[in-house]
Amino acid sequence: MSNHCGCAFRSLFHSVAVAAASTIFTGSLSAQLTYVTQARTVFSRAGYSSGGPVTQTLSATDFSTFDATAIATLPPGPAGPAPGYAKTHQFSQLQSGEITNSGSFDFVRPSFAGSGYVSGRSLFDVSFDASGSTPFFLSGILPPAVQFYPQYPVSRTIRLTGSGVNITLEGPGAFHQLGTLSTGRYQLLINVDSKAPDLGGTTSNGSLLDTYQVSLYLPEPGDANGDKFVNSADFNILSANYGTLSSAAWDKADFTGDGKVTTNDFNLLAGHFGPAPSSRGTTVPEPGLSGLVFSALVLASFRITKTFAMTCIRR
């Protein structure tokens, strides 16, 4: 090994080893969300064709956590003993580094010669400002939008728009997209509605249980895959892409935004290794966790330095 390679190798090993041995510290996001407007509502409706519907609408009044279930219940119809109901639920939180929205539709169509109906809607419409440039992950799952009533189409739409971002998702299935927010204003619209199946004039009940989940997440430095943890899975991504000198993105372990994957990115990952940001604090990790963290860091150090050493040996 040449003197040049030997010195470079020792320098790299030293910087990585220092990161591995250092105390795990908490960190902050490079950018945060500031909320401007919000409209969050759940709506349920149940009725018979021969009578007016029963409805309930509940709405969020401020930016705090919204956890509400709108319930509309009907008594049994003349042609059948079973009542019907619609229960539409939404849980949503607006945090500085994450937006979460989940919901469910629990329906039983009232039995009255097939003329009973139940429906519901969960609406989430929030605008926010972002400062600086930061990556985001838009993740979740939408159920299929089965069109039981052609005259009343079912809508399942997620739309994120703003400075340089225009994403529309209509499902069904899981999604996990990486993007970048820059300084500016954005709007996140989540409109999910549902209706119980029409059984075509029978006196039986039609039932439906749908759920959905959406998250807009500003990842902690080191969270390459956007799963809200900084762990060995992220180390594997960094190891696989270490040495990339251009066109690297966050999901390839470029946490500094310079298009490269270097020891700077490793140090960021090492500094944020551990629990999800929401559970971070001043508590000292348990010995078992500390040992696991140290072992993972040393393993990643070995992979990185081995690659560098082999390169030097070939010279």
C-alpha atoms as a PDB file:
ATOM      1  CA  MET A   1       0.000   0.000   0.000  1.00  0.00           C
ATOM      2  CA  SER A   2       1.443   3.375  -0.985  1.00  0.00           C
ATOM      3  CA  ASN A   3       2.064   6.078   1.612  1.00  0.00           C
ATOM      4  CA  HIS A   4      -0.674   8.144   0.008  1.00  0.00           C
ATOM      5  CA  CYS A   5      -3.229   5.328   0.210  1.00  0.00           C
ATOM      6  CA  GLY A   6      -2.098   4.383   3.703  1.00  0.00           C
ATOM      7  CA  CYS A   7      -2.586   7.894   5.033  1.00  0.00           C
ATOM      8  CA  ALA A   8      -5.919   8.293   3.277  1.00  0.00           C
ATOM      9  CA  PHE A   9      -7.114   4.932   4.565  1.00  0.00           C
ATOM     10  CA  ARG A  10      -6.114   5.736   8.148  1.00  0.00           C
ATOM     11  CA  SER A  11      -7.793   9.121   7.889  1.00  0.00           C
ATOM     12  CA  LEU A  12     -11.035   7.579   6.614  1.00  0.00           C
ATOM     13  CA  PHE A  13     -10.975   4.846   9.253  1.00  0.00           C
ATOM     14  CA  HIS A  14     -10.389   7.420  11.986  1.00  0.00           C
ATOM     15  CA  SER A  15     -13.305   9.611  10.929  1.00  0.00           C
ATOM     16  CA  VAL A  16     -15.667   6.644  10.705  1.00  0.00           C
ATOM     17  CA  ALA A  17     -14.486   5.139  13.979  1.00  0.00           C
ATOM     18  CA  VAL A  18     -14.968   8.440  15.788  1.00  0.00           C
ATOM     19  CA  ALA A  19     -18.533   8.584  14.510  1.00  0.00           C
ATOM     20  CA  ALA A  20     -19.129   5.016  15.681  1.00  0.00           C
ATOM     21  CA  ALA A  21     -17.732   5.615  19.163  1.00  0.00           C
ATOM     22  CA  SER A  22     -19.359   8.968  19.779  1.00  0.00           C
ATOM     23  CA  THR A  23     -22.453   9.361  21.963  1.00  0.00           C
ATOM     24  CA  ILE A  24     -25.719   9.199  20.070  1.00  0.00           C
ATOM     25  CA  PHE A  25     -27.258  12.643  20.071  1.00  0.00           C
ATOM     26  CA  THR A  26     -30.628  14.055  19.153  1.00  0.00           C
ATOM     27  CA  GLY A  27     -31.040  16.161  16.064  1.00  0.00           C
ATOM     28  CA  SER A  28     -33.505  18.552  14.472  1.00  0.00           C
ATOM     29  CA  LEU A  29     -35.029  18.685  11.041  1.00  0.00           C
ATOM     30  CA  SER A  30     -33.444  21.092   8.552  1.00  0.00           C
ATOM     31  CA  ALA A  31     -36.897  22.400   7.641  1.00  0.00           C
ATOM     32  CA  GLN A  32     -40.275  22.394   9.320  1.00  0.00           C
ATOM     33  CA  LEU A  33     -43.876  22.862   8.320  1.00  0.00           C
ATOM     34  CA  THR A  34     -45.839  25.949   9.341  1.00  0.00           C
ATOM     35  CA  TYR A  35     -49.585  25.530   8.972  1.00  0.00           C
ATOM     36  CA  VAL A  36     -51.692  28.252   7.388  1.00  0.00           C
ATOM     37  CA  THR A  37     -55.234  26.923   6.858  1.00  0.00           C
ATOM     38  CA  GLN A  38     -57.085  23.707   7.656  1.00  0.00           C
ATOM     39  CA  ALA A  39     -60.430  22.126   6.813  1.00  0.00           C
ATOM     40  CA  ARG A  40     -60.898  18.628   8.255  1.00  0.00           C
ATOM     41  CA  THR A  41     -64.339  17.054   8.275  1.00  0.00           C
ATOM     42  CA  VAL A  42     -66.064  13.685   8.603  1.00  0.00           C
ATOM     43  CA  PHE A  43     -69.584  13.169   7.289  1.00  0.00           C
ATOM     44  CA  SER A  44     -72.008  10.219   7.513  1.00  0.00           C
ATOM     45  CA  ARG A  45     -75.436   9.710   5.984  1.00  0.00           C
ATOM     46  CA  ALA A  46     -78.021   6.915   6.183  1.00  0.00           C
ATOM     47  CA  GLY A  47     -81.550   6.826   4.825  1.00  0.00           C
ATOM     48  CA  TYR A  48     -84.358   5.181   2.882  1.00  0.00           C
ATOM     49  CA  SER A  49     -85.626   6.259  -0.495  1.00  0.00           C
ATOM     50  CA  SER A  50     -89.022   6.870   1.085  1.00  0.00           C
ATOM     51  CA  GLY A  51     -87.718   8.979   3.976  1.00  0.00           C
ATOM     52  CA  GLY A  52     -85.272  11.747   4.683  1.00  0.00           C
ATOM     53  CA  PRO A  53     -81.732  10.775   5.619  1.00  0.00           C
ATOM     54  CA  VAL A  54     -80.054  10.953   9.007  1.00  0.00           C
ATOM     55  CA  THR A  55     -76.742  12.805   8.796  1.00  0.00           C
ATOM     56  CA  GLN A  56     -73.905  13.927  11.029  1.00  0.00           C
ATOM     57  CA  THR A  57     -70.973  16.198  10.236  1.00  0.00           C
ATOM     58  CA  LEU A  58     -68.012  16.859  12.540  1.00  0.00           C
ATOM     59  CA  SER A  59     -65.222  19.343  11.810  1.00  0.00           C
ATOM     60  CA  ALA A  60     -61.885  20.343  13.310  1.00  0.00           C
ATOM     61  CA  THR A  61     -61.904  23.828  14.812  1.00  0.00           C
ATOM     62  CA  ASP A  62     -58.149  24.442  14.969  1.00  0.00           C
ATOM     63  CA  PHE A  63     -54.772  22.859  14.149  1.00  0.00           C
ATOM     64  CA  SER A  64     -54.777  20.424  17.069  1.00  0.00           C
ATOM     65  CA  THR A  65     -55.256  16.664  16.748  1.00  0.00           C
ATOM     66  CA  PHE A  66     -58.559  15.766  15.089  1.00  0.00           C
ATOM     67  CA  ASP A  67     -60.042  12.444  16.216  1.00  0.00           C
ATOM     68  CA  ALA A  68     -63.713  12.176  15.340  1.00  0.00           C
ATOM     69  CA  THR A  69     -66.368   9.683  14.236  1.00  0.00           C
ATOM     70  CA  ALA A  70     -69.531  10.857  12.491  1.00  0.00           C
ATOM     71  CA  ILE A  71     -72.393   8.395  13.082  1.00  0.00           C
ATOM     72  CA  ALA A  72     -75.734   8.200  11.279  1.00  0.00           C
ATOM     73  CA  THR A  73     -78.097   5.431  12.421  1.00  0.00           C
ATOM     74  CA  LEU A  74     -81.506   4.365  11.101  1.00  0.00           C
ATOM     75  CA  PRO A  75     -84.130   2.138  12.765  1.00  0.00           C
ATOM     76  CA  PRO A  76     -85.185  -1.113  11.052  1.00  0.00           C
ATOM     77  CA  GLY A  77     -87.151  -0.681   7.838  1.00  0.00           C
ATOM     78  CA  PRO A  78     -90.693  -1.963   7.304  1.00  0.00           C
ATOM     79  CA  ALA A  79     -89.475  -4.869   5.142  1.00  0.00           C
ATOM     80  CA  GLY A  80     -86.784  -6.110   7.453  1.00  0.00           C
ATOM     81  CA  PRO A  81     -85.699  -6.150  11.091  1.00  0.00           C
ATOM     82  CA  ALA A  82     -82.089  -5.035  10.597  1.00  0.00           C
ATOM     83  CA  PRO A  83     -81.199  -1.340  11.090  1.00  0.00           C
ATOM     84  CA  GLY A  84     -78.525   0.455   9.138  1.00  0.00           C
ATOM     85  CA  TYR A  85     -75.750   2.840  10.084  1.00  0.00           C
ATOM     86  CA  ALA A  86     -72.788   4.761   8.703  1.00  0.00           C
ATOM     87  CA  LYS A  87     -69.697   5.445  10.820  1.00  0.00           C
ATOM     88  CA  THR A  88     -66.981   7.595   9.287  1.00  0.00           C
ATOM     89  CA  HIS A  89     -63.811   8.148  11.295  1.00  0.00           C
ATOM     90  CA  GLN A  90     -60.791  10.401  10.802  1.00  0.00           C
ATOM     91  CA  PHE A  91     -57.633  10.755  12.885  1.00  0.00           C
ATOM     92  CA  SER A  92     -55.214  13.456  11.768  1.00  0.00           C
ATOM     93  CA  GLN A  93     -52.263  15.301  13.282  1.00  0.00           C
ATOM     94  CA  LEU A  94     -50.371  18.369  12.052  1.00  0.00           C
ATOM     95  CA  GLN A  95     -46.835  18.243  13.412  1.00  0.00           C
ATOM     96  CA  SER A  96     -43.770  20.308  12.563  1.00  0.00           C
ATOM     97  CA  GLY A  97     -42.151  17.401  10.730  1.00  0.00           C
ATOM     98  CA  GLU A  98     -45.067  15.170   9.759  1.00  0.00           C
ATOM     99  CA  ILE A  99     -48.690  15.158   8.660  1.00  0.00           C
ATOM    100  CA  THR A 100     -50.675  12.008   9.426  1.00  0.00           C
ATOM    101  CA  ASN A 101     -54.198  11.205   8.334  1.00  0.00           C
ATOM    102  CA  SER A 102     -55.988   7.878   8.699  1.00  0.00           C
ATOM    103  CA  GLY A 103     -59.610   6.911   8.591  1.00  0.00           C
ATOM    104  CA  SER A 104     -62.217   4.207   8.295  1.00  0.00           C
ATOM    105  CA  PHE A 105     -65.726   3.630   6.973  1.00  0.00           C
ATOM    106  CA  ASP A 106     -67.945   1.165   8.830  1.00  0.00           C
ATOM    107  CA  PHE A 107     -71.275   0.770   7.020  1.00  0.00           C
ATOM    108  CA  VAL A 108     -74.340  -1.456   7.287  1.00  0.00           C
ATOM    109  CA  ARG A 109     -77.017  -0.646   4.742  1.00  0.00           C
ATOM    110  CA  PRO A 110     -80.538  -0.705   6.210  1.00  0.00           C
ATOM    111  CA  SER A 111     -82.766  -3.487   4.892  1.00  0.00           C
ATOM    112  CA  PHE A 112     -85.868  -2.093   3.253  1.00  0.00           C
ATOM    113  CA  ALA A 113     -86.502  -3.754  -0.103  1.00  0.00           C
ATOM    114  CA  GLY A 114     -83.064  -2.719  -1.277  1.00  0.00           C
ATOM    115  CA  SER A 115     -83.854   0.986  -1.037  1.00  0.00           C
ATOM    116  CA  GLY A 116     -81.712   1.820   1.996  1.00  0.00           C
ATOM    117  CA  TYR A 117     -78.431   3.667   1.554  1.00  0.00           C
ATOM    118  CA  VAL A 118     -75.445   4.692   3.682  1.00  0.00           C
ATOM    119  CA  SER A 119     -72.433   6.791   2.745  1.00  0.00           C
ATOM    120  CA  GLY A 120     -69.639   8.816   4.256  1.00  0.00           C
ATOM    121  CA  ARG A 121     -66.789  11.154   3.465  1.00  0.00           C
ATOM    122  CA  SER A 122     -63.495  12.053   5.117  1.00  0.00           C
ATOM    123  CA  LEU A 123     -62.094  15.373   3.929  1.00  0.00           C
ATOM    124  CA  PHE A 124     -58.644  16.735   4.766  1.00  0.00           C
ATOM    125  CA  ASP A 125     -57.563  20.039   3.196  1.00  0.00           C
ATOM    126  CA  VAL A 126     -54.517  21.737   4.730  1.00  0.00           C
ATOM    127  CA  SER A 127     -52.135  24.404   3.461  1.00  0.00           C
ATOM    128  CA  PHE A 128     -48.683  24.917   4.928  1.00  0.00           C
ATOM    129  CA  ASP A 129     -45.450  26.821   4.373  1.00  0.00           C
ATOM    130  CA  ALA A 130     -42.047  25.164   4.048  1.00  0.00           C
ATOM    131  CA  SER A 131     -38.764  26.986   4.582  1.00  0.00           C
ATOM    132  CA  GLY A 132     -35.513  25.856   3.048  1.00  0.00           C
ATOM    133  CA  SER A 133     -35.107  22.716   0.991  1.00  0.00           C
ATOM    134  CA  THR A 134     -35.966  19.368   2.505  1.00  0.00           C
ATOM    135  CA  PRO A 135     -36.874  15.905   1.248  1.00  0.00           C
ATOM    136  CA  PHE A 136     -40.249  14.370   2.042  1.00  0.00           C
ATOM    137  CA  PHE A 137     -41.866  10.973   1.792  1.00  0.00           C
ATOM    138  CA  LEU A 138     -45.546  10.714   0.863  1.00  0.00           C
ATOM    139  CA  SER A 139     -46.688   7.271   1.973  1.00  0.00           C
ATOM    140  CA  GLY A 140     -49.822   5.322   2.750  1.00  0.00           C
ATOM    141  CA  ILE A 141     -52.502   3.073   1.329  1.00  0.00           C
ATOM    142  CA  LEU A 142     -55.864   3.625  -0.359  1.00  0.00           C
ATOM    143  CA  PRO A 143     -58.555   0.942  -0.752  1.00  0.00           C
ATOM    144  CA  PRO A 144     -60.164   0.288  -4.138  1.00  0.00           C
ATOM    145  CA  ALA A 145     -62.911   2.749  -5.073  1.00  0.00           C
ATOM    146  CA  VAL A 146     -65.702   0.306  -5.892  1.00  0.00           C
ATOM    147  CA  GLN A 147     -68.471   2.093  -7.789  1.00  0.00           C
ATOM    148  CA  PHE A 148     -71.636   0.602  -6.304  1.00  0.00           C
ATOM    149  CA  TYR A 149     -73.785   3.508  -7.470  1.00  0.00           C
ATOM    150  CA  PRO A 150     -72.766   4.837 -10.929  1.00  0.00           C
ATOM    151  CA  GLN A 151     -74.815   7.981 -10.374  1.00  0.00           C
ATOM    152  CA  TYR A 152     -72.877   8.686  -7.156  1.00  0.00           C
ATOM    153  CA  PRO A 153     -69.207   8.013  -7.972  1.00  0.00           C
ATOM    154  CA  VAL A 154     -66.812   7.157  -5.154  1.00  0.00           C
ATOM    155  CA  SER A 155     -63.732   9.387  -4.938  1.00  0.00           C
ATOM    156  CA  ARG A 156     -60.376   8.498  -3.371  1.00  0.00           C
ATOM    157  CA  THR A 157     -57.916  11.288  -4.127  1.00  0.00           C
ATOM    158  CA  ILE A 158     -54.664  12.531  -2.628  1.00  0.00           C
ATOM    159  CA  ARG A 159     -53.210  15.709  -4.096  1.00  0.00           C
ATOM    160  CA  LEU A 160     -50.057  17.574  -3.034  1.00  0.00           C
ATOM    161  CA  THR A 161     -49.377  20.800  -4.905  1.00  0.00           C
ATOM    162  CA  GLY A 162     -47.057  23.753  -4.427  1.00  0.00           C
ATOM    163  CA  SER A 163     -43.668  25.102  -5.388  1.00  0.00           C
ATOM    164  CA  GLY A 164     -42.231  22.553  -7.825  1.00  0.00           C
ATOM    165  CA  VAL A 165     -44.524  19.745  -6.573  1.00  0.00           C
ATOM    166  CA  ASN A 166     -47.622  18.365  -8.284  1.00  0.00           C
ATOM    167  CA  ILE A 167     -48.599  14.867  -7.132  1.00  0.00           C
ATOM    168  CA  THR A 168     -52.011  13.251  -7.604  1.00  0.00           C
ATOM    169  CA  LEU A 169     -52.769   9.733  -6.365  1.00  0.00           C
ATOM    170  CA  GLU A 170     -56.062   7.907  -6.749  1.00  0.00           C
ATOM    171  CA  GLY A 171     -55.097   4.407  -5.593  1.00  0.00           C
ATOM    172  CA  PRO A 172     -55.778   1.684  -4.978  1.00  0.00           C
ATOM    173  CA  GLY A 173     -52.918   0.123  -3.056  1.00  0.00           C
ATOM    174  CA  ALA A 174     -49.835   1.261  -1.191  1.00  0.00           C
ATOM    175  CA  PHE A 175     -47.633   4.191  -2.232  1.00  0.00           C
ATOM    176  CA  HIS A 176     -44.277   5.557  -1.063  1.00  0.00           C
ATOM    177  CA  GLN A 177     -42.907   8.544  -2.983  1.00  0.00           C
ATOM    178  CA  LEU A 178     -39.825  10.681  -2.404  1.00  0.00           C
ATOM    179  CA  GLY A 179     -39.838  14.367  -3.273  1.00  0.00           C
ATOM    180  CA  THR A 180     -38.378  17.710  -2.226  1.00  0.00           C
ATOM    181  CA  LEU A 181     -40.050  20.728  -0.661  1.00  0.00           C
ATOM    182  CA  SER A 182     -38.527  24.141  -1.272  1.00  0.00           C
ATOM    183  CA  THR A 183     -39.395  27.465   0.291  1.00  0.00           C
ATOM    184  CA  GLY A 184     -43.031  28.199  -0.486  1.00  0.00           C
ATOM    185  CA  ARG A 185     -46.648  27.318   0.200  1.00  0.00           C
ATOM    186  CA  TYR A 186     -48.207  23.892  -0.352  1.00  0.00           C
ATOM    187  CA  GLN A 187     -51.633  22.308  -0.178  1.00  0.00           C
ATOM    188  CA  LEU A 188     -52.352  18.705   0.797  1.00  0.00           C
ATOM    189  CA  LEU A 189     -55.853  17.518  -0.122  1.00  0.00           C
ATOM    190  CA  ILE A 190     -57.090  14.077   0.930  1.00  0.00           C
ATOM    191  CA  ASN A 191     -60.652  13.348  -0.129  1.00  0.00           C
ATOM    192  CA  VAL A 192     -61.900   9.828   0.602  1.00  0.00           C
ATOM    193  CA  ASP A 193     -65.546   8.838   0.432  1.00  0.00           C
ATOM    194  CA  SER A 194     -67.391   5.539   0.436  1.00  0.00           C
ATOM    195  CA  LYS A 195     -70.822   3.953   0.028  1.00  0.00           C
ATOM    196  CA  ALA A 196     -72.225   0.593   1.057  1.00  0.00           C
ATOM    197  CA  PRO A 197     -73.088  -1.820  -1.778  1.00  0.00           C
ATOM    198  CA  ASP A 198     -76.503  -1.763  -3.376  1.00  0.00           C
ATOM    199  CA  LEU A 199     -77.971  -5.263  -3.170  1.00  0.00           C
ATOM    200  CA  GLY A 200     -80.474  -4.732  -5.973  1.00  0.00           C
ATOM    201  CA  GLY A 201     -83.840  -4.783  -4.242  1.00  0.00           C
ATOM    202  CA  THR A 202     -83.177  -7.494  -1.666  1.00  0.00           C
ATOM    203  CA  THR A 203     -84.071  -7.172   1.982  1.00  0.00           C
ATOM    204  CA  SER A 204     -80.553  -8.172   3.116  1.00  0.00           C
ATOM    205  CA  ASN A 205     -78.076  -5.735   4.548  1.00  0.00           C
ATOM    206  CA  GLY A 206     -75.037  -4.637   2.597  1.00  0.00           C
ATOM    207  CA  SER A 207     -71.947  -4.022   4.737  1.00  0.00           C
ATOM    208  CA  LEU A 208     -68.591  -2.408   4.109  1.00  0.00           C
ATOM    209  CA  LEU A 209     -65.449  -1.729   6.121  1.00  0.00           C
ATOM    210  CA  ASP A 210     -62.798   0.430   4.433  1.00  0.00           C
ATOM    211  CA  THR A 211     -59.625   1.933   5.878  1.00  0.00           C
ATOM    212  CA  TYR A 212     -57.001   4.308   4.517  1.00  0.00           C
ATOM    213  CA  GLN A 213     -53.770   5.886   5.733  1.00  0.00           C
ATOM    214  CA  VAL A 214     -51.666   8.830   4.514  1.00  0.00           C
ATOM    215  CA  SER A 215     -48.440  10.339   5.836  1.00  0.00           C
ATOM    216  CA  LEU A 216     -46.334  13.280   4.652  1.00  0.00           C
ATOM    217  CA  TYR A 217     -43.044  12.892   6.484  1.00  0.00           C
ATOM    218  CA  LEU A 218     -39.870  15.010   6.620  1.00  0.00           C
ATOM    219  CA  PRO A 219     -37.256  12.330   7.323  1.00  0.00           C
ATOM    220  CA  GLU A 220     -34.644  12.613  10.032  1.00  0.00           C
ATOM    221  CA  PRO A 221     -31.070  12.761   8.637  1.00  0.00           C
ATOM    222  CA  GLY A 222     -30.007   9.158   8.125  1.00  0.00           C
ATOM    223  CA  ASP A 223     -33.479   7.815   7.355  1.00  0.00           C
ATOM    224  CA  ALA A 224     -32.783   6.855   3.745  1.00  0.00           C
ATOM    225  CA  ASN A 225     -35.808   4.635   3.210  1.00  0.00           C
ATOM    226  CA  GLY A 226     -38.363   6.892   4.890  1.00  0.00           C
ATOM    227  CA  ASP A 227     -39.613   4.339   7.417  1.00  0.00           C
ATOM    228  CA  LYS A 228     -39.236   6.825  10.333  1.00  0.00           C
ATOM    229  CA  PHE A 229     -36.312   4.933  11.841  1.00  0.00           C
ATOM    230  CA  VAL A 230     -32.562   5.289  11.423  1.00  0.00           C
ATOM    231  CA  ASN A 231     -31.232   1.749  11.656  1.00  0.00           C
ATOM    232  CA  SER A 232     -29.242  -0.984   9.945  1.00  0.00           C
ATOM    233  CA  ALA A 233     -31.482  -0.868   6.867  1.00  0.00           C
ATOM    234  CA  ASP A 234     -30.307   2.702   6.265  1.00  0.00           C
ATOM    235  CA  PHE A 235     -26.689   1.662   6.897  1.00  0.00           C
ATOM    236  CA  ASN A 236     -27.040  -0.973   4.191  1.00  0.00           C
ATOM    237  CA  ILE A 237     -28.259   1.663   1.743  1.00  0.00           C
ATOM    238  CA  LEU A 238     -25.358   3.934   2.627  1.00  0.00           C
ATOM    239  CA  SER A 239     -22.843   1.092   2.324  1.00  0.00           C
ATOM    240  CA  ALA A 240     -24.187   0.104  -1.093  1.00  0.00           C
ATOM    241  CA  ASN A 241     -23.892   3.673  -2.402  1.00  0.00           C
ATOM    242  CA  TYR A 242     -20.792   4.841  -0.547  1.00  0.00           C
ATOM    243  CA  GLY A 243     -18.345   6.582  -2.884  1.00  0.00           C
ATOM    244  CA  THR A 244     -20.992   7.920  -5.278  1.00  0.00           C
ATOM    245  CA  LEU A 245     -19.718  11.300  -6.440  1.00  0.00           C
ATOM    246  CA  SER A 246     -22.673  12.692  -8.378  1.00  0.00           C
ATOM    247  CA  SER A 247     -26.446  12.497  -8.835  1.00  0.00           C
ATOM    248  CA  ALA A 248     -27.102  10.728  -5.531  1.00  0.00           C
ATOM    249  CA  ALA A 249     -30.461  11.370  -3.880  1.00  0.00           C
ATOM    250  CA  TRP A 250     -31.757  11.056  -0.320  1.00  0.00           C
ATOM    251  CA  ASP A 251     -32.920   7.471  -0.853  1.00  0.00           C
ATOM    252  CA  LYS A 252     -29.357   6.619  -1.896  1.00  0.00           C
ATOM    253  CA  ALA A 253     -28.021   8.014   1.423  1.00  0.00           C
ATOM    254  CA  ASP A 254     -27.101  11.534   0.299  1.00  0.00           C
ATOM    255  CA  PHE A 255     -28.202  13.341   3.451  1.00  0.00           C
ATOM    256  CA  THR A 256     -26.210  16.534   2.819  1.00  0.00           C
ATOM    257  CA  GLY A 257     -27.787  17.282  -0.553  1.00  0.00           C
ATOM    258  CA  ASP A 258     -24.470  17.576  -2.401  1.00  0.00           C
ATOM    259  CA  GLY A 259     -25.147  14.647  -4.749  1.00  0.00           C
ATOM    260  CA  LYS A 260     -22.447  12.536  -3.084  1.00  0.00           C
ATOM    261  CA  VAL A 261     -22.339   9.739  -0.521  1.00  0.00           C
ATOM    262  CA  THR A 262     -19.329  10.296   1.726  1.00  0.00           C
ATOM    263  CA  THR A 263     -18.238  10.254   5.359  1.00  0.00           C
ATOM    264  CA  ASN A 264     -20.291  13.413   5.869  1.00  0.00           C
ATOM    265  CA  ASP A 265     -23.427  11.379   5.200  1.00  0.00           C
ATOM    266  CA  PHE A 266     -22.162   8.574   7.405  1.00  0.00           C
ATOM    267  CA  ASN A 267     -21.629  10.987  10.297  1.00  0.00           C
ATOM    268  CA  LEU A 268     -25.157  12.341   9.922  1.00  0.00           C
ATOM    269  CA  LEU A 269     -26.577   8.831   9.939  1.00  0.00           C
ATOM    270  CA  ALA A 270     -24.487   7.852  12.970  1.00  0.00           C
ATOM    271  CA  GLY A 271     -25.602  10.945  14.862  1.00  0.00           C
ATOM    272  CA  HIS A 272     -29.274  10.132  14.373  1.00  0.00           C
ATOM    273  CA  PHE A 273     -29.110   6.373  14.753  1.00  0.00           C
ATOM    274  CA  GLY A 274     -31.845   5.079  17.024  1.00  0.00           C
ATOM    275  CA  PRO A 275     -35.546   5.652  17.746  1.00  0.00           C
ATOM    276  CA  ALA A 276     -37.971   7.597  15.615  1.00  0.00           C
ATOM    277  CA  PRO A 277     -37.805  11.409  16.081  1.00  0.00           C
ATOM    278  CA  SER A 278     -41.081  11.538  18.039  1.00  0.00           C
ATOM    279  CA  SER A 279     -39.617   9.324  20.756  1.00  0.00           C
ATOM    280  CA  ARG A 280     -36.247  11.040  21.011  1.00  0.00           C
ATOM    281  CA  GLY A 281     -35.251  12.681  24.263  1.00  0.00           C
ATOM    282  CA  THR A 282     -32.516  12.987  26.816  1.00  0.00           C
ATOM    283  CA  THR A 283     -32.899   9.435  28.117  1.00  0.00           C
ATOM    284  CA  VAL A 284     -29.658   7.452  27.931  1.00  0.00           C
ATOM    285  CA  PRO A 285     -30.120   4.312  25.772  1.00  0.00           C
ATOM    286  CA  GLU A 286     -30.250   1.015  27.583  1.00  0.00           C
ATOM    287  CA  PRO A 287     -26.986  -0.969  27.555  1.00  0.00           C
ATOM    288  CA  GLY A 288     -28.435  -3.552  25.165  1.00  0.00           C
ATOM    289  CA  LEU A 289     -29.508  -0.890  22.703  1.00  0.00           C
ATOM    290  CA  SER A 290     -26.211   0.963  23.021  1.00  0.00           C
ATOM    291  CA  GLY A 291     -24.314  -2.225  22.234  1.00  0.00           C
ATOM    292  CA  LEU A 292     -26.493  -2.908  19.235  1.00  0.00           C
ATOM    293  CA  VAL A 293     -26.012   0.612  17.955  1.00  0.00           C
ATOM    294  CA  PHE A 294     -22.233   0.423  18.382  1.00  0.00           C
ATOM    295  CA  SER A 295     -22.080  -2.970  16.651  1.00  0.00           C
ATOM    296  CA  ALA A 296     -24.081  -1.705  13.710  1.00  0.00           C
ATOM    297  CA  LEU A 297     -21.877   1.347  13.354  1.00  0.00           C
ATOM    298  CA  VAL A 298     -18.691  -0.693  13.489  1.00  0.00           C
ATOM    299  CA  LEU A 299     -20.095  -3.122  10.915  1.00  0.00           C
ATOM    300  CA  ALA A 300     -20.872  -0.247   8.575  1.00  0.00           C
ATOM    301  CA  SER A 301     -17.402   1.172   9.229  1.00  0.00           C
ATOM    302  CA  PHE A 302     -15.854  -2.144   8.246  1.00  0.00           C
ATOM    303  CA  ARG A 303     -17.780  -2.289   4.973  1.00  0.00           C
ATOM    304  CA  ILE A 304     -16.825   1.231   4.005  1.00  0.00           C
ATOM    305  CA  THR A 305     -13.152   0.986   4.947  1.00  0.00           C
ATOM    306  CA  LYS A 306     -12.779  -2.458   3.343  1.00  0.00           C
ATOM    307  CA  THR A 307     -13.938  -1.053   0.007  1.00  0.00           C
ATOM    308  CA  PHE A 308     -11.477   1.803   0.298  1.00  0.00           C
ATOM    309  CA  ALA A 309      -8.630  -0.520   1.283  1.00  0.00           C
ATOM    310  CA  MET A 310      -9.174  -2.867  -1.662  1.00  0.00           C
ATOM    311  CA  THR A 311      -9.053   0.095  -4.008  1.00  0.00           C
ATOM    312  CA  CYS A 312      -5.685   1.132  -2.601  1.00  0.00           C
ATOM    313  CA  ILE A 313      -4.257  -2.401  -2.721  1.00  0.00           C
ATOM    314  CA  ARG A 314      -4.940  -2.618  -6.445  1.00  0.00           C
ATOM    315  CA  ARG A 315      -2.828   0.474  -7.062  1.00  0.00           C
END
